[in-house]
Amino acid sequence: MANHKSAKKRVRQDAVKRIRNRYYKKTTRSAIQKLREMEDATEAKKFLPKVVSMVDRLAKKNIWHNNKAANLKSSLTLLVNNLK
């Protein structure tokens, strides 16, 4: 366990960040799943920018790697464009 005052503070901050990051990741994963399950093309096209924004935000904060974000955005866009 941490002994220095600053190290103890870092442990507290990391715990808060971990919870926050888990929340954002889970919310984004749920949104991606919801988008993948959509069958209506117009509804999916409306929802896609929101999901892409969430993915970009995770990549910007280094919660997800930039390449993972790019791959996800690409596959989701292809999925939505192929809906009838």
PDB file of N, CA and C in Angstrom:
ATOM      1  N   MET A   1       0.842  -1.186   0.000  1.00  0.00           N
ATOM      2  CA  MET A   1       0.000   0.000   0.000  1.00  0.00           C
ATOM      3  C   MET A   1       0.881   1.241   0.000  1.00  0.00           C
ATOM      4  N   ALA A   2       0.321   2.325  -0.498  1.00  0.00           N
ATOM      5  CA  ALA A   2       1.068   3.571  -0.612  1.00  0.00           C
ATOM      6  C   ALA A   2       1.374   4.167   0.759  1.00  0.00           C
ATOM      7  N   ASN A   3       2.570   4.757   0.886  1.00  0.00           N
ATOM      8  CA  ASN A   3       2.978   5.376   2.143  1.00  0.00           C
ATOM      9  C   ASN A   3       2.991   6.900   2.080  1.00  0.00           C
ATOM     10  N   HIS A   4       3.313   7.448   0.923  1.00  0.00           N
ATOM     11  CA  HIS A   4       3.395   8.895   0.804  1.00  0.00           C
ATOM     12  C   HIS A   4       2.016   9.506   0.598  1.00  0.00           C
ATOM     13  N   LYS A   5       1.888  10.733   1.024  1.00  0.00           N
ATOM     14  CA  LYS A   5       0.615  11.440   0.909  1.00  0.00           C
ATOM     15  C   LYS A   5       0.177  11.545  -0.552  1.00  0.00           C
ATOM     16  N   SER A   6       1.114  11.881  -1.435  1.00  0.00           N
ATOM     17  CA  SER A   6       0.785  12.028  -2.850  1.00  0.00           C
ATOM     18  C   SER A   6       0.418  10.677  -3.475  1.00  0.00           C
ATOM     19  N   ALA A   7       1.055   9.609  -3.018  1.00  0.00           N
ATOM     20  CA  ALA A   7       0.748   8.276  -3.546  1.00  0.00           C
ATOM     21  C   ALA A   7      -0.643   7.829  -3.109  1.00  0.00           C
ATOM     22  N   LYS A   8      -1.009   8.179  -1.883  1.00  0.00           N
ATOM     23  CA  LYS A   8      -2.356   7.853  -1.414  1.00  0.00           C
ATOM     24  C   LYS A   8      -3.404   8.609  -2.214  1.00  0.00           C
ATOM     25  N   LYS A   9      -3.115   9.863  -2.516  1.00  0.00           N
ATOM     26  CA  LYS A   9      -4.034  10.665  -3.322  1.00  0.00           C
ATOM     27  C   LYS A   9      -4.165  10.062  -4.721  1.00  0.00           C
ATOM     28  N   ARG A  10      -3.044   9.615  -5.287  1.00  0.00           N
ATOM     29  CA  ARG A  10      -3.061   9.006  -6.615  1.00  0.00           C
ATOM     30  C   ARG A  10      -3.926   7.748  -6.617  1.00  0.00           C
ATOM     31  N   VAL A  11      -3.871   6.963  -5.560  1.00  0.00           N
ATOM     32  CA  VAL A  11      -4.695   5.759  -5.456  1.00  0.00           C
ATOM     33  C   VAL A  11      -6.175   6.133  -5.452  1.00  0.00           C
ATOM     34  N   ARG A  12      -6.520   7.184  -4.703  1.00  0.00           N
ATOM     35  CA  ARG A  12      -7.916   7.643  -4.665  1.00  0.00           C
ATOM     36  C   ARG A  12      -8.374   8.128  -6.031  1.00  0.00           C
ATOM     37  N   GLN A  13      -7.517   8.908  -6.693  1.00  0.00           N
ATOM     38  CA  GLN A  13      -7.870   9.442  -8.010  1.00  0.00           C
ATOM     39  C   GLN A  13      -8.039   8.317  -9.027  1.00  0.00           C
ATOM     40  N   ASP A  14      -7.157   7.339  -8.964  1.00  0.00           N
ATOM     41  CA  ASP A  14      -7.230   6.219  -9.904  1.00  0.00           C
ATOM     42  C   ASP A  14      -8.515   5.422  -9.715  1.00  0.00           C
ATOM     43  N   ALA A  15      -8.955   5.291  -8.477  1.00  0.00           N
ATOM     44  CA  ALA A  15     -10.194   4.562  -8.206  1.00  0.00           C
ATOM     45  C   ALA A  15     -11.385   5.283  -8.830  1.00  0.00           C
ATOM     46  N   VAL A  16     -11.395   6.604  -8.700  1.00  0.00           N
ATOM     47  CA  VAL A  16     -12.487   7.389  -9.280  1.00  0.00           C
ATOM     48  C   VAL A  16     -12.455   7.295 -10.803  1.00  0.00           C
ATOM     49  N   LYS A  17     -11.258   7.415 -11.398  1.00  0.00           N
ATOM     50  CA  LYS A  17     -11.118   7.330 -12.846  1.00  0.00           C
ATOM     51  C   LYS A  17     -11.547   5.960 -13.357  1.00  0.00           C
ATOM     52  N   ARG A  18     -11.200   4.922 -12.622  1.00  0.00           N
ATOM     53  CA  ARG A  18     -11.532   3.560 -13.031  1.00  0.00           C
ATOM     54  C   ARG A  18     -13.040   3.388 -13.119  1.00  0.00           C
ATOM     55  N   ILE A  19     -13.747   3.877 -12.116  1.00  0.00           N
ATOM     56  CA  ILE A  19     -15.206   3.765 -12.107  1.00  0.00           C
ATOM     57  C   ILE A  19     -15.802   4.563 -13.261  1.00  0.00           C
ATOM     58  N   ARG A  20     -15.299   5.758 -13.461  1.00  0.00           N
ATOM     59  CA  ARG A  20     -15.807   6.614 -14.540  1.00  0.00           C
ATOM     60  C   ARG A  20     -15.545   5.986 -15.902  1.00  0.00           C
ATOM     61  N   ASN A  21     -14.334   5.461 -16.103  1.00  0.00           N
ATOM     62  CA  ASN A  21     -13.992   4.828 -17.378  1.00  0.00           C
ATOM     63  C   ASN A  21     -14.847   3.592 -17.632  1.00  0.00           C
ATOM     64  N   ARG A  22     -15.089   2.812 -16.584  1.00  0.00           N
ATOM     65  CA  ARG A  22     -15.935   1.625 -16.730  1.00  0.00           C
ATOM     66  C   ARG A  22     -17.343   2.013 -17.150  1.00  0.00           C
ATOM     67  N   TYR A  23     -17.852   3.095 -16.583  1.00  0.00           N
ATOM     68  CA  TYR A  23     -19.191   3.572 -16.929  1.00  0.00           C
ATOM     69  C   TYR A  23     -19.255   3.972 -18.398  1.00  0.00           C
ATOM     70  N   TYR A  24     -18.280   4.766 -18.857  1.00  0.00           N
ATOM     71  CA  TYR A  24     -18.279   5.217 -20.241  1.00  0.00           C
ATOM     72  C   TYR A  24     -18.117   4.048 -21.213  1.00  0.00           C
ATOM     73  N   LYS A  25     -17.234   3.100 -20.866  1.00  0.00           N
ATOM     74  CA  LYS A  25     -17.031   1.948 -21.732  1.00  0.00           C
ATOM     75  C   LYS A  25     -18.289   1.103 -21.836  1.00  0.00           C
ATOM     76  N   LYS A  26     -18.931   0.863 -20.701  1.00  0.00           N
ATOM     77  CA  LYS A  26     -20.135   0.030 -20.702  1.00  0.00           C
ATOM     78  C   LYS A  26     -21.266   0.712 -21.461  1.00  0.00           C
ATOM     79  N   THR A  27     -21.422   2.021 -21.288  1.00  0.00           N
ATOM     80  CA  THR A  27     -22.450   2.767 -21.994  1.00  0.00           C
ATOM     81  C   THR A  27     -22.221   2.700 -23.505  1.00  0.00           C
ATOM     82  N   THR A  28     -20.971   2.845 -23.910  1.00  0.00           N
ATOM     83  CA  THR A  28     -20.648   2.798 -25.333  1.00  0.00           C
ATOM     84  C   THR A  28     -20.868   1.400 -25.896  1.00  0.00           C
ATOM     85  N   ARG A  29     -20.458   0.382 -25.159  1.00  0.00           N
ATOM     86  CA  ARG A  29     -20.671  -0.994 -25.625  1.00  0.00           C
ATOM     87  C   ARG A  29     -22.160  -1.296 -25.776  1.00  0.00           C
ATOM     88  N   SER A  30     -22.964  -0.804 -24.846  1.00  0.00           N
ATOM     89  CA  SER A  30     -24.411  -1.010 -24.932  1.00  0.00           C
ATOM     90  C   SER A  30     -24.990  -0.301 -26.153  1.00  0.00           C
ATOM     91  N   ALA A  31     -24.503   0.897 -26.430  1.00  0.00           N
ATOM     92  CA  ALA A  31     -24.977   1.645 -27.594  1.00  0.00           C
ATOM     93  C   ALA A  31     -24.591   0.931 -28.892  1.00  0.00           C
ATOM     94  N   ILE A  32     -23.383   0.380 -28.932  1.00  0.00           N
ATOM     95  CA  ILE A  32     -22.928  -0.359 -30.116  1.00  0.00           C
ATOM     96  C   ILE A  32     -23.811  -1.587 -30.318  1.00  0.00           C
ATOM     97  N   GLN A  33     -24.103  -2.287 -29.254  1.00  0.00           N
ATOM     98  CA  GLN A  33     -24.957  -3.467 -29.339  1.00  0.00           C
ATOM     99  C   GLN A  33     -26.355  -3.083 -29.831  1.00  0.00           C
ATOM    100  N   LYS A  34     -26.874  -1.989 -29.314  1.00  0.00           N
ATOM    101  CA  LYS A  34     -28.191  -1.509 -29.731  1.00  0.00           C
ATOM    102  C   LYS A  34     -28.186  -1.176 -31.222  1.00  0.00           C
ATOM    103  N   LEU A  35     -27.113  -0.538 -31.697  1.00  0.00           N
ATOM    104  CA  LEU A  35     -27.001  -0.195 -33.109  1.00  0.00           C
ATOM    105  C   LEU A  35     -26.933  -1.449 -33.968  1.00  0.00           C
ATOM    106  N   ARG A  36     -26.197  -2.444 -33.518  1.00  0.00           N
ATOM    107  CA  ARG A  36     -26.066  -3.692 -34.287  1.00  0.00           C
ATOM    108  C   ARG A  36     -27.381  -4.453 -34.370  1.00  0.00           C
ATOM    109  N   GLU A  37     -28.228  -4.292 -33.374  1.00  0.00           N
ATOM    110  CA  GLU A  37     -29.500  -5.012 -33.370  1.00  0.00           C
ATOM    111  C   GLU A  37     -30.593  -4.292 -34.154  1.00  0.00           C
ATOM    112  N   MET A  38     -30.348  -3.030 -34.534  1.00  0.00           N
ATOM    113  CA  MET A  38     -31.361  -2.271 -35.273  1.00  0.00           C
ATOM    114  C   MET A  38     -31.562  -2.852 -36.662  1.00  0.00           C
ATOM    115  N   GLU A  39     -32.814  -2.850 -37.087  1.00  0.00           N
ATOM    116  CA  GLU A  39     -33.147  -3.342 -38.419  1.00  0.00           C
ATOM    117  C   GLU A  39     -33.677  -2.231 -39.311  1.00  0.00           C
ATOM    118  N   ASP A  40     -34.132  -1.141 -38.722  1.00  0.00           N
ATOM    119  CA  ASP A  40     -34.638  -0.007 -39.486  1.00  0.00           C
ATOM    120  C   ASP A  40     -33.468   0.885 -39.909  1.00  0.00           C
ATOM    121  N   ALA A  41     -33.305   1.073 -41.211  1.00  0.00           N
ATOM    122  CA  ALA A  41     -32.148   1.802 -41.734  1.00  0.00           C
ATOM    123  C   ALA A  41     -32.167   3.273 -41.327  1.00  0.00           C
ATOM    124  N   THR A  42     -33.325   3.915 -41.365  1.00  0.00           N
ATOM    125  CA  THR A  42     -33.369   5.340 -41.040  1.00  0.00           C
ATOM    126  C   THR A  42     -33.061   5.577 -39.572  1.00  0.00           C
ATOM    127  N   GLU A  43     -33.574   4.702 -38.728  1.00  0.00           N
ATOM    128  CA  GLU A  43     -33.309   4.820 -37.290  1.00  0.00           C
ATOM    129  C   GLU A  43     -31.825   4.599 -36.997  1.00  0.00           C
ATOM    130  N   ALA A  44     -31.247   3.612 -37.677  1.00  0.00           N
ATOM    131  CA  ALA A  44     -29.829   3.311 -37.482  1.00  0.00           C
ATOM    132  C   ALA A  44     -28.950   4.469 -37.962  1.00  0.00           C
ATOM    133  N   LYS A  45     -29.329   5.091 -39.073  1.00  0.00           N
ATOM    134  CA  LYS A  45     -28.537   6.208 -39.595  1.00  0.00           C
ATOM    135  C   LYS A  45     -28.611   7.418 -38.679  1.00  0.00           C
ATOM    136  N   LYS A  46     -29.717   7.574 -37.974  1.00  0.00           N
ATOM    137  CA  LYS A  46     -29.828   8.657 -36.999  1.00  0.00           C
ATOM    138  C   LYS A  46     -28.968   8.382 -35.770  1.00  0.00           C
ATOM    139  N   PHE A  47     -28.899   7.115 -35.387  1.00  0.00           N
ATOM    140  CA  PHE A  47     -28.210   6.724 -34.153  1.00  0.00           C
ATOM    141  C   PHE A  47     -26.697   6.597 -34.347  1.00  0.00           C
ATOM    142  N   LEU A  48     -26.258   6.343 -35.574  1.00  0.00           N
ATOM    143  CA  LEU A  48     -24.830   6.120 -35.850  1.00  0.00           C
ATOM    144  C   LEU A  48     -23.937   7.280 -35.413  1.00  0.00           C
ATOM    145  N   PRO A  49     -24.258   8.545 -35.709  1.00  0.00           N
ATOM    146  CA  PRO A  49     -23.366   9.632 -35.264  1.00  0.00           C
ATOM    147  C   PRO A  49     -23.199   9.705 -33.752  1.00  0.00           C
ATOM    148  N   LYS A  50     -24.230   9.359 -33.006  1.00  0.00           N
ATOM    149  CA  LYS A  50     -24.118   9.361 -31.547  1.00  0.00           C
ATOM    150  C   LYS A  50     -23.126   8.303 -31.082  1.00  0.00           C
ATOM    151  N   VAL A  51     -23.210   7.125 -31.691  1.00  0.00           N
ATOM    152  CA  VAL A  51     -22.305   6.042 -31.316  1.00  0.00           C
ATOM    153  C   VAL A  51     -20.878   6.387 -31.721  1.00  0.00           C
ATOM    154  N   VAL A  52     -20.701   6.933 -32.911  1.00  0.00           N
ATOM    155  CA  VAL A  52     -19.365   7.312 -33.378  1.00  0.00           C
ATOM    156  C   VAL A  52     -18.759   8.358 -32.446  1.00  0.00           C
ATOM    157  N   SER A  53     -19.590   9.292 -31.993  1.00  0.00           N
ATOM    158  CA  SER A  53     -19.117  10.321 -31.061  1.00  0.00           C
ATOM    159  C   SER A  53     -18.649   9.690 -29.749  1.00  0.00           C
ATOM    160  N   MET A  54     -19.407   8.714 -29.262  1.00  0.00           N
ATOM    161  CA  MET A  54     -19.023   8.046 -28.015  1.00  0.00           C
ATOM    162  C   MET A  54     -17.695   7.305 -28.183  1.00  0.00           C
ATOM    163  N   VAL A  55     -17.534   6.629 -29.316  1.00  0.00           N
ATOM    164  CA  VAL A  55     -16.295   5.888 -29.591  1.00  0.00           C
ATOM    165  C   VAL A  55     -15.119   6.856 -29.695  1.00  0.00           C
ATOM    166  N   ASP A  56     -15.328   7.979 -30.387  1.00  0.00           N
ATOM    167  CA  ASP A  56     -14.264   8.985 -30.512  1.00  0.00           C
ATOM    168  C   ASP A  56     -13.849   9.535 -29.155  1.00  0.00           C
ATOM    169  N   ARG A  57     -14.820   9.742 -28.290  1.00  0.00           N
ATOM    170  CA  ARG A  57     -14.526  10.278 -26.964  1.00  0.00           C
ATOM    171  C   ARG A  57     -13.663   9.296 -26.166  1.00  0.00           C
ATOM    172  N   LEU A  58     -13.963   7.992 -26.278  1.00  0.00           N
ATOM    173  CA  LEU A  58     -13.156   6.995 -25.573  1.00  0.00           C
ATOM    174  C   LEU A  58     -11.733   6.942 -26.131  1.00  0.00           C
ATOM    175  N   ALA A  59     -11.606   7.089 -27.446  1.00  0.00           N
ATOM    176  CA  ALA A  59     -10.272   7.081 -28.054  1.00  0.00           C
ATOM    177  C   ALA A  59      -9.493   8.322 -27.648  1.00  0.00           C
ATOM    178  N   LYS A  60     -10.176   9.446 -27.586  1.00  0.00           N
ATOM    179  CA  LYS A  60      -9.516  10.697 -27.219  1.00  0.00           C
ATOM    180  C   LYS A  60      -8.969  10.640 -25.796  1.00  0.00           C
ATOM    181  N   LYS A  61      -9.695   9.971 -24.910  1.00  0.00           N
ATOM    182  CA  LYS A  61      -9.277   9.871 -23.515  1.00  0.00           C
ATOM    183  C   LYS A  61      -8.361   8.674 -23.253  1.00  0.00           C
ATOM    184  N   ASN A  62      -7.938   8.000 -24.315  1.00  0.00           N
ATOM    185  CA  ASN A  62      -7.040   6.835 -24.230  1.00  0.00           C
ATOM    186  C   ASN A  62      -7.642   5.687 -23.438  1.00  0.00           C
ATOM    187  N   ILE A  63      -8.949   5.596 -23.417  1.00  0.00           N
ATOM    188  CA  ILE A  63      -9.590   4.444 -22.795  1.00  0.00           C
ATOM    189  C   ILE A  63      -9.587   3.289 -23.788  1.00  0.00           C
ATOM    190  N   TRP A  64      -9.801   3.616 -25.060  1.00  0.00           N
ATOM    191  CA  TRP A  64      -9.659   2.663 -26.159  1.00  0.00           C
ATOM    192  C   TRP A  64      -8.547   3.147 -27.069  1.00  0.00           C
ATOM    193  N   HIS A  65      -7.857   2.220 -27.693  1.00  0.00           N
ATOM    194  CA  HIS A  65      -6.799   2.556 -28.633  1.00  0.00           C
ATOM    195  C   HIS A  65      -7.422   3.183 -29.880  1.00  0.00           C
ATOM    196  N   ASN A  66      -6.685   4.084 -30.517  1.00  0.00           N
ATOM    197  CA  ASN A  66      -7.192   4.773 -31.707  1.00  0.00           C
ATOM    198  C   ASN A  66      -7.551   3.810 -32.834  1.00  0.00           C
ATOM    199  N   ASN A  67      -6.743   2.751 -32.996  1.00  0.00           N
ATOM    200  CA  ASN A  67      -7.016   1.785 -34.061  1.00  0.00           C
ATOM    201  C   ASN A  67      -8.298   1.004 -33.773  1.00  0.00           C
ATOM    202  N   LYS A  68      -8.532   0.668 -32.514  1.00  0.00           N
ATOM    203  CA  LYS A  68      -9.758  -0.033 -32.151  1.00  0.00           C
ATOM    204  C   LYS A  68     -10.962   0.845 -32.472  1.00  0.00           C
ATOM    205  N   ALA A  69     -10.859   2.113 -32.149  1.00  0.00           N
ATOM    206  CA  ALA A  69     -11.948   3.049 -32.424  1.00  0.00           C
ATOM    207  C   ALA A  69     -12.192   3.148 -33.925  1.00  0.00           C
ATOM    208  N   ALA A  70     -11.125   3.242 -34.690  1.00  0.00           N
ATOM    209  CA  ALA A  70     -11.261   3.351 -36.144  1.00  0.00           C
ATOM    210  C   ALA A  70     -11.902   2.095 -36.730  1.00  0.00           C
ATOM    211  N   ASN A  71     -11.468   0.934 -36.252  1.00  0.00           N
ATOM    212  CA  ASN A  71     -12.038  -0.327 -36.738  1.00  0.00           C
ATOM    213  C   ASN A  71     -13.516  -0.435 -36.391  1.00  0.00           C
ATOM    214  N   LEU A  72     -13.868  -0.040 -35.187  1.00  0.00           N
ATOM    215  CA  LEU A  72     -15.274  -0.080 -34.778  1.00  0.00           C
ATOM    216  C   LEU A  72     -16.121   0.852 -35.630  1.00  0.00           C
ATOM    217  N   LYS A  73     -15.653   2.076 -35.818  1.00  0.00           N
ATOM    218  CA  LYS A  73     -16.409   3.052 -36.600  1.00  0.00           C
ATOM    219  C   LYS A  73     -16.584   2.559 -38.033  1.00  0.00           C
ATOM    220  N   SER A  74     -15.546   1.980 -38.583  1.00  0.00           N
ATOM    221  CA  SER A  74     -15.606   1.472 -39.949  1.00  0.00           C
ATOM    222  C   SER A  74     -16.627   0.341 -40.074  1.00  0.00           C
ATOM    223  N   SER A  75     -16.564  -0.609 -39.165  1.00  0.00           N
ATOM    224  CA  SER A  75     -17.475  -1.759 -39.250  1.00  0.00           C
ATOM    225  C   SER A  75     -18.918  -1.354 -38.990  1.00  0.00           C
ATOM    226  N   LEU A  76     -19.125  -0.422 -38.069  1.00  0.00           N
ATOM    227  CA  LEU A  76     -20.488   0.033 -37.790  1.00  0.00           C
ATOM    228  C   LEU A  76     -21.059   0.825 -38.959  1.00  0.00           C
ATOM    229  N   THR A  77     -20.225   1.635 -39.590  1.00  0.00           N
ATOM    230  CA  THR A  77     -20.680   2.398 -40.753  1.00  0.00           C
ATOM    231  C   THR A  77     -21.048   1.465 -41.895  1.00  0.00           C
ATOM    232  N   LEU A  78     -20.218   0.452 -42.126  1.00  0.00           N
ATOM    233  CA  LEU A  78     -20.529  -0.544 -43.155  1.00  0.00           C
ATOM    234  C   LEU A  78     -21.847  -1.244 -42.852  1.00  0.00           C
ATOM    235  N   LEU A  79     -22.025  -1.599 -41.591  1.00  0.00           N
ATOM    236  CA  LEU A  79     -23.247  -2.289 -41.173  1.00  0.00           C
ATOM    237  C   LEU A  79     -24.478  -1.432 -41.455  1.00  0.00           C
ATOM    238  N   VAL A  80     -24.416  -0.162 -41.083  1.00  0.00           N
ATOM    239  CA  VAL A  80     -25.557   0.727 -41.265  1.00  0.00           C
ATOM    240  C   VAL A  80     -25.814   0.982 -42.755  1.00  0.00           C
ATOM    241  N   ASN A  81     -24.736   1.135 -43.535  1.00  0.00           N
ATOM    242  CA  ASN A  81     -24.910   1.402 -44.973  1.00  0.00           C
ATOM    243  C   ASN A  81     -25.490   0.209 -45.710  1.00  0.00           C
ATOM    244  N   ASN A  82     -25.297  -0.990 -45.190  1.00  0.00           N
ATOM    245  CA  ASN A  82     -25.805  -2.194 -45.846  1.00  0.00           C
ATOM    246  C   ASN A  82     -27.216  -2.552 -45.425  1.00  0.00           C
ATOM    247  N   LEU A  83     -27.790  -1.806 -44.472  1.00  0.00           N
ATOM    248  CA  LEU A  83     -29.168  -2.064 -44.085  1.00  0.00           C
ATOM    249  C   LEU A  83     -30.109  -1.643 -45.202  1.00  0.00           C
ATOM    250  N   LYS A  84     -31.231  -2.334 -45.300  1.00  0.00           N
ATOM    251  CA  LYS A  84     -32.206  -1.998 -46.359  1.00  0.00           C
ATOM    252  C   LYS A  84     -33.355  -1.225 -45.803  1.00  0.00           C
TER     253      LYS A  84
END
